[in-house]
Each structure stands twice: as structure tokens, then as C-alpha cells.
Amino acid sequence: MLRSEGLCPLTPEEAVLMLDALGFNLTRENLLSSAKLEPFKKFSSQLVAMDFISCTAVDAFAMTDSGSQLSSLKSRHRIYYGGGRMPTIRPNK
């Protein structure tokens, strides 16, 4: 029910399709090789930290949920430190 009303966050696949359609394709896998990522794969908190860092390095950030801590913090970080030059995409779900 919530999904049909647009109240659910985008799935990871939907987010990737949207960003790809807009021409953005930077992920943590593009920033680091598989060998360098391997030691972090057992630690979810470290992967979240890597996601935060990769969100800092990207040209555009898409908020695909309704304001999780990571999305809210990253969006505000991009506004404050980006001087208006680091867009945050907020898709109409």
C-alpha cells in the first residue's frame, strides 16, 4: 500500500537505474579495487563509513530514502561544505 503511494524509499536497484539514467556512476567499487575493499567486507560499520566518504567524493548525491541518518547527514554536509556546487537529488518517489 505505501509503495503504491510513493511513501517507500527507492530500492538499491531503482536508485542505481535513476543515477545511471542521469549520467552518474561513481560507487565505492569505482573508488577502490576489490582487493582494497576485501578487508572491510566483514565490518558493516566500516562499509558505512566508506559509503559516507564516497558520497563526499561524488558529483551528485541522491537521497533515496525518507531521511535516514546517513542521508540527512550527507545532504547537509554537501550543502555546508559544497557551497551550493554539490547537488543532492531528492527524487519524487
N, C-alpha and C. Protein backbone atom coordinates (compact mmCIF):
# COMPACT_ATOMS: atom_id res chain seq x y z
N MET A 1 0.81 -1.19 0.00
CA MET A 1 0.00 0.00 0.00
C MET A 1 0.87 1.27 0.00
N LEU A 2 1.82 1.34 0.93
CA LEU A 2 2.68 2.51 0.99
C LEU A 2 3.49 2.69 -0.28
N ARG A 3 3.94 1.58 -0.85
CA ARG A 3 4.74 1.63 -2.06
C ARG A 3 3.96 2.27 -3.21
N SER A 4 2.70 1.90 -3.37
CA SER A 4 1.90 2.45 -4.46
C SER A 4 1.62 3.94 -4.28
N GLU A 5 1.74 4.43 -3.05
CA GLU A 5 1.53 5.86 -2.78
C GLU A 5 2.84 6.66 -2.81
N GLY A 6 3.95 5.99 -3.13
CA GLY A 6 5.23 6.67 -3.22
C GLY A 6 5.86 6.98 -1.88
N LEU A 7 5.47 6.28 -0.83
CA LEU A 7 5.98 6.57 0.50
C LEU A 7 7.13 5.68 0.93
N CYS A 8 7.50 4.72 0.12
CA CYS A 8 8.61 3.83 0.45
C CYS A 8 9.89 4.34 -0.22
N PRO A 9 11.04 4.10 0.41
CA PRO A 9 12.29 4.51 -0.23
C PRO A 9 12.54 3.71 -1.50
N LEU A 10 13.36 4.28 -2.37
CA LEU A 10 13.75 3.57 -3.58
C LEU A 10 14.57 2.35 -3.20
N THR A 11 14.42 1.29 -3.95
CA THR A 11 15.27 0.12 -3.74
C THR A 11 16.66 0.46 -4.27
N PRO A 12 17.68 -0.29 -3.87
CA PRO A 12 19.01 -0.03 -4.42
C PRO A 12 19.02 -0.10 -5.96
N GLU A 13 18.28 -1.06 -6.51
CA GLU A 13 18.23 -1.18 -7.98
C GLU A 13 17.60 0.06 -8.61
N GLU A 14 16.52 0.57 -8.02
CA GLU A 14 15.86 1.77 -8.56
C GLU A 14 16.78 2.98 -8.47
N ALA A 15 17.51 3.07 -7.37
CA ALA A 15 18.45 4.19 -7.21
C ALA A 15 19.55 4.14 -8.25
N VAL A 16 20.09 2.95 -8.49
CA VAL A 16 21.14 2.79 -9.50
C VAL A 16 20.61 3.14 -10.88
N LEU A 17 19.41 2.67 -11.21
CA LEU A 17 18.82 2.99 -12.51
C LEU A 17 18.62 4.49 -12.69
N MET A 18 18.14 5.16 -11.62
CA MET A 18 17.91 6.60 -11.70
C MET A 18 19.23 7.35 -11.89
N LEU A 19 20.23 7.03 -11.09
CA LEU A 19 21.51 7.72 -11.20
C LEU A 19 22.20 7.43 -12.53
N ASP A 20 22.10 6.19 -12.99
CA ASP A 20 22.68 5.84 -14.28
C ASP A 20 22.00 6.61 -15.41
N ALA A 21 20.69 6.74 -15.34
CA ALA A 21 19.95 7.50 -16.36
C ALA A 21 20.35 8.97 -16.37
N LEU A 22 20.73 9.48 -15.21
CA LEU A 22 21.17 10.88 -15.11
C LEU A 22 22.64 11.05 -15.46
N GLY A 23 23.34 9.93 -15.70
CA GLY A 23 24.74 10.00 -16.11
C GLY A 23 25.75 9.89 -14.99
N PHE A 24 25.32 9.55 -13.78
CA PHE A 24 26.23 9.39 -12.66
C PHE A 24 26.50 7.90 -12.44
N ASN A 25 27.78 7.56 -12.19
CA ASN A 25 28.08 6.14 -12.00
C ASN A 25 29.19 5.88 -10.98
N LEU A 26 29.49 6.83 -10.07
CA LEU A 26 30.57 6.63 -9.09
C LEU A 26 30.07 5.87 -7.87
N THR A 27 30.74 4.77 -7.54
CA THR A 27 30.42 3.97 -6.36
C THR A 27 31.71 3.69 -5.61
N ARG A 28 31.59 3.11 -4.40
CA ARG A 28 32.82 2.79 -3.67
C ARG A 28 33.63 1.76 -4.43
N GLU A 29 32.96 0.92 -5.22
CA GLU A 29 33.68 -0.07 -6.02
C GLU A 29 34.49 0.61 -7.12
N ASN A 30 34.08 1.78 -7.56
CA ASN A 30 34.85 2.52 -8.56
C ASN A 30 36.00 3.28 -7.92
N LEU A 31 35.90 3.56 -6.61
CA LEU A 31 36.95 4.29 -5.92
C LEU A 31 38.10 3.39 -5.48
N LEU A 32 37.76 2.15 -5.12
CA LEU A 32 38.77 1.21 -4.63
C LEU A 32 38.66 -0.11 -5.38
N SER A 33 39.79 -0.77 -5.53
CA SER A 33 39.78 -2.09 -6.18
C SER A 33 39.16 -3.11 -5.25
N SER A 34 38.78 -4.25 -5.79
CA SER A 34 38.21 -5.33 -4.98
C SER A 34 39.19 -5.78 -3.90
N ALA A 35 40.46 -5.80 -4.23
CA ALA A 35 41.47 -6.23 -3.26
C ALA A 35 41.53 -5.26 -2.07
N LYS A 36 41.39 -3.98 -2.34
CA LYS A 36 41.44 -3.00 -1.25
C LYS A 36 40.15 -2.99 -0.44
N LEU A 37 39.03 -3.36 -1.05
CA LEU A 37 37.76 -3.41 -0.33
C LEU A 37 37.61 -4.66 0.52
N GLU A 38 38.31 -5.73 0.15
CA GLU A 38 38.15 -7.03 0.81
C GLU A 38 38.28 -6.98 2.34
N PRO A 39 39.28 -6.31 2.91
CA PRO A 39 39.40 -6.31 4.38
C PRO A 39 38.22 -5.66 5.10
N PHE A 40 37.44 -4.83 4.41
CA PHE A 40 36.34 -4.13 5.04
C PHE A 40 35.01 -4.87 4.95
N LYS A 41 34.92 -5.86 4.09
CA LYS A 41 33.65 -6.53 3.82
C LYS A 41 33.05 -7.24 5.02
N LYS A 42 33.85 -7.57 6.02
CA LYS A 42 33.34 -8.25 7.20
C LYS A 42 32.80 -7.28 8.25
N PHE A 43 32.98 -5.98 8.03
CA PHE A 43 32.64 -4.97 9.02
C PHE A 43 31.65 -3.96 8.44
N SER A 44 30.38 -4.12 8.76
CA SER A 44 29.36 -3.25 8.18
C SER A 44 29.56 -1.79 8.55
N SER A 45 30.03 -1.52 9.77
CA SER A 45 30.24 -0.12 10.17
C SER A 45 31.34 0.53 9.33
N GLN A 46 32.34 -0.24 8.97
CA GLN A 46 33.40 0.32 8.13
C GLN A 46 32.91 0.54 6.70
N LEU A 47 32.03 -0.34 6.22
CA LEU A 47 31.44 -0.13 4.89
C LEU A 47 30.56 1.12 4.88
N VAL A 48 29.84 1.37 5.97
CA VAL A 48 29.02 2.58 6.06
C VAL A 48 29.92 3.81 6.03
N ALA A 49 31.05 3.74 6.74
CA ALA A 49 32.00 4.85 6.72
C ALA A 49 32.53 5.07 5.30
N MET A 50 32.78 3.98 4.59
CA MET A 50 33.24 4.11 3.21
C MET A 50 32.14 4.72 2.33
N ASP A 51 30.89 4.35 2.59
CA ASP A 51 29.78 4.95 1.84
C ASP A 51 29.73 6.45 2.09
N PHE A 52 29.93 6.85 3.34
CA PHE A 52 29.92 8.28 3.67
C PHE A 52 31.03 9.00 2.91
N ILE A 53 32.21 8.41 2.90
CA ILE A 53 33.34 9.04 2.20
C ILE A 53 33.08 9.09 0.70
N SER A 54 32.56 8.00 0.14
CA SER A 54 32.30 8.01 -1.31
C SER A 54 31.21 9.01 -1.66
N CYS A 55 30.25 9.22 -0.77
CA CYS A 55 29.21 10.23 -1.01
C CYS A 55 29.79 11.63 -1.02
N THR A 56 30.90 11.82 -0.34
CA THR A 56 31.58 13.11 -0.34
C THR A 56 32.29 13.36 -1.66
N ALA A 57 32.76 12.28 -2.28
CA ALA A 57 33.56 12.41 -3.50
C ALA A 57 32.73 12.47 -4.77
N VAL A 58 31.45 12.12 -4.70
CA VAL A 58 30.65 12.04 -5.92
C VAL A 58 30.18 13.41 -6.39
N ASP A 59 29.84 13.47 -7.68
CA ASP A 59 29.35 14.73 -8.26
C ASP A 59 27.95 15.08 -7.77
N ALA A 60 27.13 14.08 -7.55
CA ALA A 60 25.76 14.30 -7.08
C ALA A 60 25.40 13.18 -6.12
N PHE A 61 24.58 13.51 -5.13
CA PHE A 61 24.14 12.53 -4.13
C PHE A 61 22.63 12.43 -4.20
N ALA A 62 22.11 11.22 -4.25
CA ALA A 62 20.67 11.01 -4.32
C ALA A 62 20.15 10.50 -2.98
N MET A 63 19.21 11.22 -2.40
CA MET A 63 18.55 10.76 -1.17
C MET A 63 17.44 9.81 -1.62
N THR A 64 17.67 8.54 -1.43
CA THR A 64 16.71 7.54 -1.92
C THR A 64 15.81 7.03 -0.82
N ASP A 65 15.89 7.62 0.36
CA ASP A 65 15.02 7.22 1.46
C ASP A 65 14.38 8.47 2.05
N SER A 66 13.65 8.29 3.10
CA SER A 66 12.91 9.42 3.65
C SER A 66 13.68 10.11 4.78
N GLY A 67 14.98 10.12 4.69
CA GLY A 67 15.76 10.86 5.65
C GLY A 67 16.42 10.01 6.72
N SER A 68 17.12 8.96 6.32
CA SER A 68 17.89 8.18 7.30
C SER A 68 19.00 9.07 7.84
N GLN A 69 19.67 8.60 8.86
CA GLN A 69 20.75 9.39 9.44
C GLN A 69 21.84 9.66 8.42
N LEU A 70 22.22 8.64 7.64
CA LEU A 70 23.27 8.84 6.64
C LEU A 70 22.85 9.84 5.58
N SER A 71 21.65 9.69 5.05
CA SER A 71 21.18 10.59 4.00
C SER A 71 21.07 12.02 4.50
N SER A 72 20.50 12.20 5.67
CA SER A 72 20.33 13.54 6.23
C SER A 72 21.68 14.20 6.50
N LEU A 73 22.57 13.46 7.13
CA LEU A 73 23.89 13.99 7.44
C LEU A 73 24.66 14.32 6.17
N LYS A 74 24.63 13.42 5.21
CA LYS A 74 25.38 13.63 3.97
C LYS A 74 24.81 14.79 3.18
N SER A 75 23.51 14.91 3.12
CA SER A 75 22.88 16.02 2.40
C SER A 75 23.29 17.36 3.00
N ARG A 76 23.25 17.44 4.33
CA ARG A 76 23.63 18.69 5.00
C ARG A 76 25.13 18.97 4.85
N HIS A 77 25.93 17.93 4.90
CA HIS A 77 27.37 18.08 4.70
C HIS A 77 27.66 18.65 3.32
N ARG A 78 26.98 18.14 2.32
CA ARG A 78 27.19 18.60 0.94
C ARG A 78 26.75 20.05 0.78
N ILE A 79 25.66 20.43 1.45
CA ILE A 79 25.20 21.82 1.39
C ILE A 79 26.22 22.75 2.05
N TYR A 80 26.66 22.39 3.25
CA TYR A 80 27.56 23.24 4.02
C TYR A 80 28.94 23.35 3.38
N TYR A 81 29.54 22.22 3.05
CA TYR A 81 30.90 22.24 2.52
C TYR A 81 30.96 22.40 1.01
N GLY A 82 29.86 22.16 0.34
CA GLY A 82 29.87 22.25 -1.12
C GLY A 82 29.60 23.63 -1.66
N GLY A 83 29.19 24.54 -0.81
CA GLY A 83 28.93 25.90 -1.27
C GLY A 83 27.91 25.98 -2.39
N GLY A 84 26.96 25.05 -2.39
CA GLY A 84 25.93 25.06 -3.42
C GLY A 84 26.34 24.40 -4.72
N ARG A 85 27.56 23.87 -4.78
CA ARG A 85 28.05 23.24 -6.01
C ARG A 85 28.02 21.72 -5.94
N MET A 86 27.45 21.17 -4.88
CA MET A 86 27.39 19.71 -4.73
C MET A 86 25.91 19.33 -4.64
N PRO A 87 25.27 19.06 -5.76
CA PRO A 87 23.82 18.82 -5.73
C PRO A 87 23.42 17.55 -4.99
N THR A 88 22.26 17.64 -4.35
CA THR A 88 21.63 16.50 -3.73
C THR A 88 20.31 16.28 -4.48
N ILE A 89 20.15 15.12 -5.04
CA ILE A 89 18.92 14.79 -5.79
C ILE A 89 17.93 14.18 -4.82
N ARG A 90 16.74 14.74 -4.79
CA ARG A 90 15.67 14.20 -3.95
C ARG A 90 14.53 13.78 -4.88
N PRO A 91 14.58 12.53 -5.35
CA PRO A 91 13.58 12.10 -6.33
C PRO A 91 12.18 12.04 -5.74
N ASN A 92 11.20 12.35 -6.56
CA ASN A 92 9.81 12.21 -6.18
C ASN A 92 9.48 10.74 -6.31
N LYS A 93 9.37 10.07 -5.16
CA LYS A 93 9.17 8.62 -5.18
C LYS A 93 7.75 8.29 -5.57
